[in-house]
């Protein structure tokens, strides 16, 4: 039973990292929107999307409006809360906490993950109608590769086995 809880905690940590990185795709916690660094990053992101998806200027403007409506501060706070809860769950598991305590913390992390996923889904529901079918497919593939769409390509194609 305890091994299952540790496995769940590890799996949740991995899922949480992927989900929250995706949820914060356009949010930059290190630079404000008005800073040169933040503006440069946003411009690169927009150029990358326009190039990869073949966006029209009207589509790009519509995407800017969608992303402008998000509450970046709330996203940052949520992400911070999630990271803290995940760290607490890891510490509890490593320090041999009882199953009840682990289950309570695991439920907290799962709820935060669900909120992250809901936020991301709401954003995607707004983005979907802006894109045509081919663009939606290309956007989905970009997001599958990595949370920021940067794909980590391996040479040789096959995943490498980790030594055990």
Protein backbone atom coordinates (compact mmCIF):
# COMPACT_ATOMS: atom_id res chain seq x y z
CA UNK A 1 0.00 0.00 0.00
CA UNK A 2 2.77 2.41 0.93
CA UNK A 3 4.68 1.66 -2.29
CA UNK A 4 1.50 2.47 -4.23
CA UNK A 5 1.19 5.83 -2.45
CA UNK A 6 4.82 6.68 -3.21
CA UNK A 7 4.27 5.70 -6.84
CA UNK A 8 1.14 7.85 -6.99
CA UNK A 9 2.98 10.78 -5.46
CA UNK A 10 5.80 10.46 -7.99
CA UNK A 11 3.35 10.13 -10.88
CA UNK A 12 1.35 13.11 -9.66
CA UNK A 13 4.50 15.17 -9.36
CA UNK A 14 5.41 14.42 -12.97
CA UNK A 15 1.89 15.13 -14.22
CA UNK A 16 1.72 18.30 -12.15
CA UNK A 17 4.94 19.59 -13.61
CA UNK A 18 3.73 18.99 -17.15
CA UNK A 19 0.26 20.42 -16.56
CA UNK A 20 1.38 23.54 -14.75
CA UNK A 21 4.08 24.29 -17.29
CA UNK A 22 1.44 24.01 -19.98
CA UNK A 23 -1.01 26.13 -18.02
CA UNK A 24 1.60 28.82 -17.66
CA UNK A 25 2.67 28.58 -21.30
CA UNK A 26 2.28 32.27 -22.01
CA UNK A 27 2.87 33.56 -18.48
CA UNK A 28 6.43 34.57 -17.68
CA UNK A 29 7.00 34.55 -13.91
CA UNK A 30 10.49 36.07 -14.24
CA UNK A 31 9.64 39.21 -16.22
CA UNK A 32 6.77 41.64 -16.23
CA UNK A 33 4.74 42.19 -19.38
CA UNK A 34 6.11 45.70 -19.73
CA UNK A 35 9.78 44.74 -19.37
CA UNK A 36 11.96 44.45 -22.44
CA UNK A 37 12.68 40.80 -21.69
CA UNK A 38 8.99 39.95 -21.34
CA UNK A 39 8.10 41.86 -24.50
CA UNK A 40 10.90 40.15 -26.44
CA UNK A 41 9.77 36.74 -25.21
CA UNK A 42 6.16 37.47 -26.17
CA UNK A 43 7.22 38.68 -29.59
CA UNK A 44 9.29 35.53 -30.18
CA UNK A 45 6.38 33.36 -29.06
CA UNK A 46 4.00 35.17 -31.42
CA UNK A 47 6.46 34.93 -34.33
CA UNK A 48 6.98 31.26 -33.64
CA UNK A 49 3.23 30.58 -33.59
CA UNK A 50 2.64 32.64 -36.72
CA UNK A 51 5.38 30.78 -38.57
CA UNK A 52 4.56 27.26 -37.37
CA UNK A 53 0.79 27.61 -37.74
CA UNK A 54 0.62 29.98 -40.69
CA UNK A 55 -1.49 32.48 -38.75
CA UNK A 56 -3.00 35.50 -40.43
CA UNK A 57 -2.57 38.91 -38.80
CA UNK A 58 -6.22 38.78 -37.72
CA UNK A 59 -5.72 35.39 -36.07
CA UNK A 60 -2.61 36.61 -34.29
CA UNK A 61 -4.50 39.64 -32.99
CA UNK A 62 -7.34 37.41 -31.76
CA UNK A 63 -4.83 35.18 -29.92
CA UNK A 64 -3.27 38.27 -28.33
CA UNK A 65 -6.71 39.25 -27.03
CA UNK A 66 -7.32 35.79 -25.57
CA UNK A 67 -3.98 35.73 -23.77
CA UNK A 68 -4.40 39.35 -22.61
CA UNK A 69 -7.51 38.35 -20.63
CA UNK A 70 -5.73 35.85 -18.40
CA UNK A 71 -4.88 36.74 -14.83
CA UNK A 72 -1.12 36.27 -14.75
CA UNK A 73 -0.81 37.05 -11.04
CA UNK A 74 -3.44 34.45 -10.15
CA UNK A 75 -1.68 31.90 -12.37
CA UNK A 76 1.63 32.60 -10.68
CA UNK A 77 0.08 32.26 -7.22
CA UNK A 78 -1.66 29.02 -8.20
CA UNK A 79 1.58 27.60 -9.60
CA UNK A 80 3.44 28.59 -6.43
CA UNK A 81 0.77 26.94 -4.27
CA UNK A 82 0.91 23.79 -6.39
CA UNK A 83 4.72 23.60 -6.24
CA UNK A 84 4.60 24.03 -2.47
CA UNK A 85 1.97 21.30 -2.05
CA UNK A 86 3.96 18.95 -4.29
CA UNK A 87 7.13 19.58 -2.29
CA UNK A 88 5.24 18.93 0.94
CA UNK A 89 3.83 15.70 -0.48
CA UNK A 90 7.32 14.54 -1.48
CA UNK A 91 8.69 15.38 1.97
CA UNK A 92 5.82 13.57 3.67
CA UNK A 93 6.34 10.47 1.52
CA UNK A 94 10.10 10.48 2.08
CA UNK A 95 9.75 10.97 5.83
CA UNK A 96 7.33 8.08 6.27
CA UNK A 97 4.12 10.00 6.99
CA UNK A 98 1.03 7.93 7.71
CA UNK A 99 -1.37 7.00 4.91
CA UNK A 100 -4.07 9.41 6.10
CA UNK A 101 -1.72 12.40 5.99
CA UNK A 102 -0.38 11.34 2.58
CA UNK A 103 -3.89 10.86 1.23
CA UNK A 104 -4.96 14.32 2.42
CA UNK A 105 -1.94 16.00 0.82
CA UNK A 106 -2.36 13.91 -2.32
CA UNK A 107 -5.99 15.08 -2.56
CA UNK A 108 -4.83 18.69 -2.20
CA UNK A 109 -2.30 18.24 -5.02
CA UNK A 110 -4.89 16.50 -7.22
CA UNK A 111 -7.34 19.37 -6.67
CA UNK A 112 -4.69 21.94 -7.61
CA UNK A 113 -3.81 19.88 -10.69
CA UNK A 114 -7.47 19.74 -11.67
CA UNK A 115 -7.71 23.52 -11.35
CA UNK A 116 -4.61 23.90 -13.57
CA UNK A 117 -6.10 21.60 -16.17
CA UNK A 118 -9.42 23.46 -16.07
CA UNK A 119 -7.66 26.79 -16.62
CA UNK A 120 -5.70 25.37 -19.55
CA UNK A 121 -8.83 23.83 -21.07
CA UNK A 122 -10.71 27.13 -20.83
CA UNK A 123 -7.85 28.85 -22.65
CA UNK A 124 -7.79 26.15 -25.34
CA UNK A 125 -11.56 26.44 -25.78
CA UNK A 126 -11.04 30.11 -26.58
CA UNK A 127 -8.09 29.46 -28.91
CA UNK A 128 -9.79 26.64 -30.87
CA UNK A 129 -12.32 28.73 -32.78
CA UNK A 130 -9.60 31.18 -33.88
CA UNK A 131 -7.68 28.47 -35.71
CA UNK A 132 -8.71 26.43 -38.74
CA UNK A 133 -8.66 22.62 -38.58
CA UNK A 134 -5.08 22.26 -39.85
CA UNK A 135 -3.82 24.92 -37.47
CA UNK A 136 -5.59 23.28 -34.52
CA UNK A 137 -3.91 19.98 -35.37
CA UNK A 138 -0.49 21.64 -35.70
CA UNK A 139 -1.01 23.52 -32.42
CA UNK A 140 -1.98 20.29 -30.64
CA UNK A 141 1.17 18.60 -31.96
CA UNK A 142 3.29 21.53 -30.76
CA UNK A 143 1.80 21.16 -27.29
CA UNK A 144 2.35 17.37 -27.30
CA UNK A 145 6.07 17.78 -27.86
CA UNK A 146 6.57 19.84 -24.73
CA UNK A 147 4.70 22.40 -22.65
CA UNK A 148 6.22 25.29 -24.58
CA UNK A 149 6.14 23.53 -27.94
CA UNK A 150 9.92 23.28 -28.19
CA UNK A 151 10.06 19.52 -28.82
CA UNK A 152 13.00 17.68 -27.34
CA UNK A 153 14.19 15.58 -30.25
CA UNK A 154 16.25 12.48 -29.56
CA UNK A 155 18.69 11.09 -32.08
CA UNK A 156 17.85 7.64 -33.31
CA UNK A 157 14.14 8.06 -32.64
CA UNK A 158 13.77 5.36 -29.99
CA UNK A 159 13.63 6.28 -26.33
CA UNK A 160 16.71 5.24 -24.44
CA UNK A 161 16.46 2.92 -21.46
CA UNK A 162 17.59 4.30 -18.12
CA UNK A 163 19.93 1.98 -16.21
CA UNK A 164 18.23 0.46 -13.20
